[in-house]
Amino acid sequence: MMKLYWSPRSRSFSALWLLEETGEPYERVLIDISKGAQRTLEFLAVNPMGKVPALEDGEATLAESAAICAYVAERYPKAKLAPPLGDVRRAKYLYWLFFAPSCIEPAMVQIATKIELNSVAAGWGDAQRVFDVLDHALQQGPWILGEEFSAADIVICSGLNFAVRQFKMVPSRPSFERYLDLCAARPAFQRATVLTEGEKN
């Protein structure tokens, strides 16, 4: 059984939501980052970066939300959270799967810190372009790959939800609102939210 190390109000939500989407049993291990539990030797043995989420699957361990989502989606192909190997849709699937950590999150940091960077030098370009590109893609909808929901939606929605609704760092747009509402209506999203809220109380 997979073991998810997680904490509420963190990037762990993506992995939690994805595991709920699979319908497969898994164990949750709460890492209280407010008390420094991520710096214990036991947890550092799982993720030397001392961050959540992290995942154990037998002898396999990994961290980073998008990597966990990619791993679990392929581990449980019956959940249909990733286009199969050889499918032309995998190109866009992989692009969007890593768009959140490599573009949305740095853009949020850029906005929060008001740092001015050369858009050619910055790996994500610039914050305005990141959200313009995402807006255009989501207008094609309903999901980031079109008609089929995938693990890429989980990481994109999680990043966009942080940026637009939770931290209100990015002005919303009609495509963002439609997409976030669509994601939030998924039963697995709702179960993950309840689990997170339960741990906060």
C-alpha atoms as a PDB file:
ATOM      1  CA  MET A   1       0.000   0.000   0.000  1.00  0.00           C
ATOM      2  CA  MET A   2       1.287   3.470  -0.845  1.00  0.00           C
ATOM      3  CA  LYS A   3       2.126   5.771   2.033  1.00  0.00           C
ATOM      4  CA  LEU A   4       1.651   9.530   1.555  1.00  0.00           C
ATOM      5  CA  TYR A   5       3.520  11.914   3.843  1.00  0.00           C
ATOM      6  CA  TRP A   6       1.581  15.150   3.811  1.00  0.00           C
ATOM      7  CA  SER A   7       0.501  18.285   5.628  1.00  0.00           C
ATOM      8  CA  PRO A   8      -2.603  20.469   5.273  1.00  0.00           C
ATOM      9  CA  ARG A   9      -2.377  23.816   3.469  1.00  0.00           C
ATOM     10  CA  SER A  10       0.611  22.726   1.419  1.00  0.00           C
ATOM     11  CA  ARG A  11       1.488  21.312  -1.984  1.00  0.00           C
ATOM     12  CA  SER A  12       0.434  17.971  -0.526  1.00  0.00           C
ATOM     13  CA  PHE A  13      -3.117  18.646  -1.681  1.00  0.00           C
ATOM     14  CA  SER A  14      -2.253  17.639  -5.261  1.00  0.00           C
ATOM     15  CA  ALA A  15      -0.983  14.211  -4.220  1.00  0.00           C
ATOM     16  CA  LEU A  16      -3.856  13.699  -1.805  1.00  0.00           C
ATOM     17  CA  TRP A  17      -6.421  14.580  -4.476  1.00  0.00           C
ATOM     18  CA  LEU A  18      -4.724  12.338  -7.028  1.00  0.00           C
ATOM     19  CA  LEU A  19      -4.673   9.360  -4.695  1.00  0.00           C
ATOM     20  CA  GLU A  20      -8.367   9.906  -4.004  1.00  0.00           C
ATOM     21  CA  GLU A  21      -8.999   9.913  -7.769  1.00  0.00           C
ATOM     22  CA  THR A  22      -7.450   6.448  -8.117  1.00  0.00           C
ATOM     23  CA  GLY A  23      -9.895   4.841  -5.706  1.00  0.00           C
ATOM     24  CA  GLU A  24      -7.025   2.695  -4.427  1.00  0.00           C
ATOM     25  CA  PRO A  25      -6.256   2.315  -0.696  1.00  0.00           C
ATOM     26  CA  TYR A  26      -3.334   4.307   0.680  1.00  0.00           C
ATOM     27  CA  GLU A  27      -2.016   5.371   4.058  1.00  0.00           C
ATOM     28  CA  ARG A  28      -1.754   9.021   5.099  1.00  0.00           C
ATOM     29  CA  VAL A  29       1.086  10.048   7.406  1.00  0.00           C
ATOM     30  CA  LEU A  30       0.656  13.548   8.785  1.00  0.00           C
ATOM     31  CA  ILE A  31       3.881  15.576   8.914  1.00  0.00           C
ATOM     32  CA  ASP A  32       3.255  18.598  11.146  1.00  0.00           C
ATOM     33  CA  ILE A  33       5.409  21.192   9.411  1.00  0.00           C
ATOM     34  CA  SER A  34       4.356  23.821  11.962  1.00  0.00           C
ATOM     35  CA  LYS A  35       6.290  21.828  14.573  1.00  0.00           C
ATOM     36  CA  GLY A  36       9.275  20.991  12.375  1.00  0.00           C
ATOM     37  CA  ALA A  37       8.358  17.333  11.805  1.00  0.00           C
ATOM     38  CA  GLN A  38       9.723  17.606   8.265  1.00  0.00           C
ATOM     39  CA  ARG A  39      13.230  17.987   9.714  1.00  0.00           C
ATOM     40  CA  THR A  40      13.318  14.736  11.674  1.00  0.00           C
ATOM     41  CA  LEU A  41      15.888  12.166  10.640  1.00  0.00           C
ATOM     42  CA  GLU A  42      13.089   9.686   9.921  1.00  0.00           C
ATOM     43  CA  PHE A  43      11.402  11.982   7.421  1.00  0.00           C
ATOM     44  CA  LEU A  44      14.659  13.204   5.885  1.00  0.00           C
ATOM     45  CA  ALA A  45      15.387   9.566   5.073  1.00  0.00           C
ATOM     46  CA  VAL A  46      12.258   9.645   2.895  1.00  0.00           C
ATOM     47  CA  ASN A  47      12.827  13.123   1.420  1.00  0.00           C
ATOM     48  CA  PRO A  48      16.219  14.720   2.078  1.00  0.00           C
ATOM     49  CA  MET A  49      14.759  18.091   1.037  1.00  0.00           C
ATOM     50  CA  GLY A  50      12.554  18.004   4.123  1.00  0.00           C
ATOM     51  CA  LYS A  51       9.410  18.934   2.200  1.00  0.00           C
ATOM     52  CA  VAL A  52       5.946  17.481   1.784  1.00  0.00           C
ATOM     53  CA  PRO A  53       4.478  15.681   0.008  1.00  0.00           C
ATOM     54  CA  ALA A  54       6.553  12.530  -0.205  1.00  0.00           C
ATOM     55  CA  LEU A  55       5.494   9.042  -1.180  1.00  0.00           C
ATOM     56  CA  GLU A  56       6.602   5.528  -0.296  1.00  0.00           C
ATOM     57  CA  ASP A  57       5.551   2.597  -2.450  1.00  0.00           C
ATOM     58  CA  GLY A  58       7.321  -0.464  -1.127  1.00  0.00           C
ATOM     59  CA  GLU A  59      11.016   0.184  -1.675  1.00  0.00           C
ATOM     60  CA  ALA A  60      10.339   3.156  -3.967  1.00  0.00           C
ATOM     61  CA  THR A  61      10.331   6.647  -2.484  1.00  0.00           C
ATOM     62  CA  LEU A  62       9.887   9.979  -4.203  1.00  0.00           C
ATOM     63  CA  ALA A  63       8.875  13.563  -3.582  1.00  0.00           C
ATOM     64  CA  GLU A  64       7.733  16.641  -5.542  1.00  0.00           C
ATOM     65  CA  SER A  65       4.012  16.917  -6.229  1.00  0.00           C
ATOM     66  CA  ALA A  66       4.124  16.639 -10.018  1.00  0.00           C
ATOM     67  CA  ALA A  67       6.496  13.661  -9.851  1.00  0.00           C
ATOM     68  CA  ILE A  68       4.201  11.910  -7.375  1.00  0.00           C
ATOM     69  CA  CYS A  69       1.208  12.599  -9.619  1.00  0.00           C
ATOM     70  CA  ALA A  70       3.056  11.201 -12.658  1.00  0.00           C
ATOM     71  CA  TYR A  71       4.179   8.114 -10.742  1.00  0.00           C
ATOM     72  CA  VAL A  72       0.789   7.290  -9.235  1.00  0.00           C
ATOM     73  CA  ALA A  73      -1.073   7.917 -12.505  1.00  0.00           C
ATOM     74  CA  GLU A  74       1.134   5.347 -14.237  1.00  0.00           C
ATOM     75  CA  ARG A  75       1.097   2.961 -11.283  1.00  0.00           C
ATOM     76  CA  TYR A  76      -2.708   2.749 -11.488  1.00  0.00           C
ATOM     77  CA  PRO A  77      -3.554   2.854 -15.216  1.00  0.00           C
ATOM     78  CA  LYS A  78      -7.141   1.727 -14.587  1.00  0.00           C
ATOM     79  CA  ALA A  79      -7.816   5.164 -13.095  1.00  0.00           C
ATOM     80  CA  LYS A  80      -7.144   6.652 -16.556  1.00  0.00           C
ATOM     81  CA  LEU A  81      -5.320   9.685 -15.194  1.00  0.00           C
ATOM     82  CA  ALA A  82      -2.671   9.692 -17.933  1.00  0.00           C
ATOM     83  CA  PRO A  83      -2.662   8.980 -21.664  1.00  0.00           C
ATOM     84  CA  PRO A  84      -0.972   5.610 -22.286  1.00  0.00           C
ATOM     85  CA  LEU A  85       2.575   5.318 -23.609  1.00  0.00           C
ATOM     86  CA  GLY A  86       2.634   5.888 -27.345  1.00  0.00           C
ATOM     87  CA  ASP A  87      -0.458   8.111 -27.276  1.00  0.00           C
ATOM     88  CA  VAL A  88       0.179  11.443 -29.018  1.00  0.00           C
ATOM     89  CA  ARG A  89      -1.644  13.229 -26.157  1.00  0.00           C
ATOM     90  CA  ARG A  90       1.236  12.390 -23.814  1.00  0.00           C
ATOM     91  CA  ALA A  91       3.235  15.315 -25.202  1.00  0.00           C
ATOM     92  CA  LYS A  92       0.711  17.889 -23.975  1.00  0.00           C
ATOM     93  CA  TYR A  93       0.003  15.844 -20.850  1.00  0.00           C
ATOM     94  CA  LEU A  94       3.653  15.987 -19.790  1.00  0.00           C
ATOM     95  CA  TYR A  95       3.893  19.662 -20.744  1.00  0.00           C
ATOM     96  CA  TRP A  96       0.973  20.646 -18.531  1.00  0.00           C
ATOM     97  CA  LEU A  97       1.914  18.220 -15.753  1.00  0.00           C
ATOM     98  CA  PHE A  98       5.142  20.166 -15.229  1.00  0.00           C
ATOM     99  CA  PHE A  99       3.769  23.607 -16.119  1.00  0.00           C
ATOM    100  CA  ALA A 100       2.506  24.148 -12.567  1.00  0.00           C
ATOM    101  CA  PRO A 101       5.807  23.683 -10.688  1.00  0.00           C
ATOM    102  CA  SER A 102       7.996  25.175 -13.429  1.00  0.00           C
ATOM    103  CA  CYS A 103       5.811  28.125 -14.474  1.00  0.00           C
ATOM    104  CA  ILE A 104       2.842  28.806 -12.164  1.00  0.00           C
ATOM    105  CA  GLU A 105       4.757  28.552  -8.885  1.00  0.00           C
ATOM    106  CA  PRO A 106       7.709  30.734  -9.999  1.00  0.00           C
ATOM    107  CA  ALA A 107       5.232  33.258 -11.434  1.00  0.00           C
ATOM    108  CA  MET A 108       3.520  33.406  -8.038  1.00  0.00           C
ATOM    109  CA  VAL A 109       6.884  34.042  -6.357  1.00  0.00           C
ATOM    110  CA  GLN A 110       7.642  36.747  -8.898  1.00  0.00           C
ATOM    111  CA  ILE A 111       4.317  38.443  -8.149  1.00  0.00           C
ATOM    112  CA  ALA A 112       4.685  38.094  -4.371  1.00  0.00           C
ATOM    113  CA  THR A 113       8.238  39.442  -4.264  1.00  0.00           C
ATOM    114  CA  LYS A 114       7.686  42.021  -7.033  1.00  0.00           C
ATOM    115  CA  ILE A 115      11.045  40.971  -8.405  1.00  0.00           C
ATOM    116  CA  GLU A 116      11.937  42.227 -11.863  1.00  0.00           C
ATOM    117  CA  LEU A 117      13.566  39.599 -14.056  1.00  0.00           C
ATOM    118  CA  ASN A 118      14.628  39.438 -17.649  1.00  0.00           C
ATOM    119  CA  SER A 119      11.899  37.341 -19.259  1.00  0.00           C
ATOM    120  CA  VAL A 120      14.467  35.686 -21.513  1.00  0.00           C
ATOM    121  CA  ALA A 121      16.617  34.636 -18.552  1.00  0.00           C
ATOM    122  CA  ALA A 122      13.757  33.459 -16.312  1.00  0.00           C
ATOM    123  CA  GLY A 123      12.811  29.841 -16.982  1.00  0.00           C
ATOM    124  CA  TRP A 124       9.090  30.668 -16.806  1.00  0.00           C
ATOM    125  CA  GLY A 125       9.306  33.795 -18.953  1.00  0.00           C
ATOM    126  CA  ASP A 126       7.210  36.257 -16.984  1.00  0.00           C
ATOM    127  CA  ALA A 127       4.129  36.032 -14.781  1.00  0.00           C
ATOM    128  CA  GLN A 128       1.801  37.780 -17.227  1.00  0.00           C
ATOM    129  CA  ARG A 129       2.667  35.368 -20.024  1.00  0.00           C
ATOM    130  CA  VAL A 130       2.246  32.341 -17.738  1.00  0.00           C
ATOM    131  CA  PHE A 131      -1.346  33.246 -16.909  1.00  0.00           C
ATOM    132  CA  ASP A 132      -2.143  34.400 -20.454  1.00  0.00           C
ATOM    133  CA  VAL A 133      -0.994  31.030 -21.837  1.00  0.00           C
ATOM    134  CA  LEU A 134      -2.982  29.176 -19.205  1.00  0.00           C
ATOM    135  CA  ASP A 135      -6.065  31.313 -19.895  1.00  0.00           C
ATOM    136  CA  HIS A 136      -5.881  30.520 -23.610  1.00  0.00           C
ATOM    137  CA  ALA A 137      -5.484  26.786 -22.979  1.00  0.00           C
ATOM    138  CA  LEU A 138      -8.380  26.639 -20.537  1.00  0.00           C
ATOM    139  CA  GLN A 139     -10.697  28.413 -22.956  1.00  0.00           C
ATOM    140  CA  GLN A 140     -10.435  25.316 -25.168  1.00  0.00           C
ATOM    141  CA  GLY A 141     -11.660  23.147 -22.218  1.00  0.00           C
ATOM    142  CA  PRO A 142     -13.332  21.673 -20.471  1.00  0.00           C
ATOM    143  CA  TRP A 143     -10.070  20.107 -19.164  1.00  0.00           C
ATOM    144  CA  ILE A 144      -6.483  21.064 -19.862  1.00  0.00           C
ATOM    145  CA  LEU A 145      -6.204  18.263 -22.466  1.00  0.00           C
ATOM    146  CA  GLY A 146      -9.677  18.860 -23.847  1.00  0.00           C
ATOM    147  CA  GLU A 147     -12.382  16.313 -23.148  1.00  0.00           C
ATOM    148  CA  GLU A 148     -10.485  14.051 -20.731  1.00  0.00           C
ATOM    149  CA  PHE A 149      -9.556  14.753 -17.116  1.00  0.00           C
ATOM    150  CA  SER A 150      -5.987  13.768 -16.192  1.00  0.00           C
ATOM    151  CA  ALA A 151      -3.323  14.118 -13.521  1.00  0.00           C
ATOM    152  CA  ALA A 152      -2.235  17.267 -15.361  1.00  0.00           C
ATOM    153  CA  ASP A 153      -5.526  18.879 -14.301  1.00  0.00           C
ATOM    154  CA  ILE A 154      -4.735  18.069 -10.685  1.00  0.00           C
ATOM    155  CA  VAL A 155      -1.431  19.938 -10.680  1.00  0.00           C
ATOM    156  CA  ILE A 156      -2.719  22.809 -12.835  1.00  0.00           C
ATOM    157  CA  CYS A 157      -5.870  23.283 -10.759  1.00  0.00           C
ATOM    158  CA  SER A 158      -3.951  23.084  -7.486  1.00  0.00           C
ATOM    159  CA  GLY A 159      -1.476  25.752  -8.594  1.00  0.00           C
ATOM    160  CA  LEU A 160      -4.180  27.970 -10.062  1.00  0.00           C
ATOM    161  CA  ASN A 161      -6.339  27.586  -6.965  1.00  0.00           C
ATOM    162  CA  PHE A 162      -3.446  28.786  -4.787  1.00  0.00           C
ATOM    163  CA  ALA A 163      -2.788  31.746  -7.080  1.00  0.00           C
ATOM    164  CA  VAL A 164      -6.382  32.872  -7.673  1.00  0.00           C
ATOM    165  CA  ARG A 165      -8.588  31.767  -4.791  1.00  0.00           C
ATOM    166  CA  GLN A 166      -6.461  31.007  -1.750  1.00  0.00           C
ATOM    167  CA  PHE A 167      -3.830  33.741  -1.912  1.00  0.00           C
ATOM    168  CA  LYS A 168      -5.640  36.068  -4.359  1.00  0.00           C
ATOM    169  CA  MET A 169      -2.326  36.943  -5.958  1.00  0.00           C
ATOM    170  CA  VAL A 170      -3.604  36.688  -9.521  1.00  0.00           C
ATOM    171  CA  PRO A 171      -6.790  38.353 -10.807  1.00  0.00           C
ATOM    172  CA  SER A 172      -9.329  35.780 -11.851  1.00  0.00           C
ATOM    173  CA  ARG A 173     -10.575  35.352 -15.392  1.00  0.00           C
ATOM    174  CA  PRO A 174     -13.740  33.644 -16.687  1.00  0.00           C
ATOM    175  CA  SER A 175     -11.783  30.602 -17.873  1.00  0.00           C
ATOM    176  CA  PHE A 176     -10.123  30.272 -14.459  1.00  0.00           C
ATOM    177  CA  GLU A 177     -13.425  30.449 -12.584  1.00  0.00           C
ATOM    178  CA  ARG A 178     -15.091  27.879 -14.849  1.00  0.00           C
ATOM    179  CA  TYR A 179     -12.148  25.515 -14.554  1.00  0.00           C
ATOM    180  CA  LEU A 180     -11.728  25.846 -10.791  1.00  0.00           C
ATOM    181  CA  ASP A 181     -15.454  25.262 -10.273  1.00  0.00           C
ATOM    182  CA  LEU A 182     -15.322  22.195 -12.533  1.00  0.00           C
ATOM    183  CA  CYS A 183     -12.388  20.750 -10.580  1.00  0.00           C
ATOM    184  CA  ALA A 184     -13.969  21.535  -7.223  1.00  0.00           C
ATOM    185  CA  ALA A 185     -17.097  19.614  -8.257  1.00  0.00           C
ATOM    186  CA  ARG A 186     -15.156  16.358  -8.560  1.00  0.00           C
ATOM    187  CA  PRO A 187     -15.910  13.960  -5.677  1.00  0.00           C
ATOM    188  CA  ALA A 188     -12.208  13.169  -5.183  1.00  0.00           C
ATOM    189  CA  PHE A 189     -11.403  16.888  -4.870  1.00  0.00           C
ATOM    190  CA  GLN A 190     -14.142  17.200  -2.269  1.00  0.00           C
ATOM    191  CA  ARG A 191     -12.902  14.173  -0.320  1.00  0.00           C
ATOM    192  CA  ALA A 192      -9.356  15.549  -0.307  1.00  0.00           C
ATOM    193  CA  THR A 193     -10.685  18.909   0.896  1.00  0.00           C
ATOM    194  CA  VAL A 194     -12.600  17.245   3.741  1.00  0.00           C
ATOM    195  CA  LEU A 195      -9.494  15.282   4.767  1.00  0.00           C
ATOM    196  CA  THR A 196      -7.465  18.489   4.774  1.00  0.00           C
ATOM    197  CA  GLU A 197     -10.056  20.411   6.741  1.00  0.00           C
ATOM    198  CA  GLY A 198     -10.314  17.561   9.237  1.00  0.00           C
ATOM    199  CA  GLU A 199      -6.578  17.710   9.922  1.00  0.00           C
ATOM    200  CA  LYS A 200      -6.725  21.475  10.502  1.00  0.00           C
ATOM    201  CA  ASN A 201      -9.234  21.131  13.338  1.00  0.00           C
END
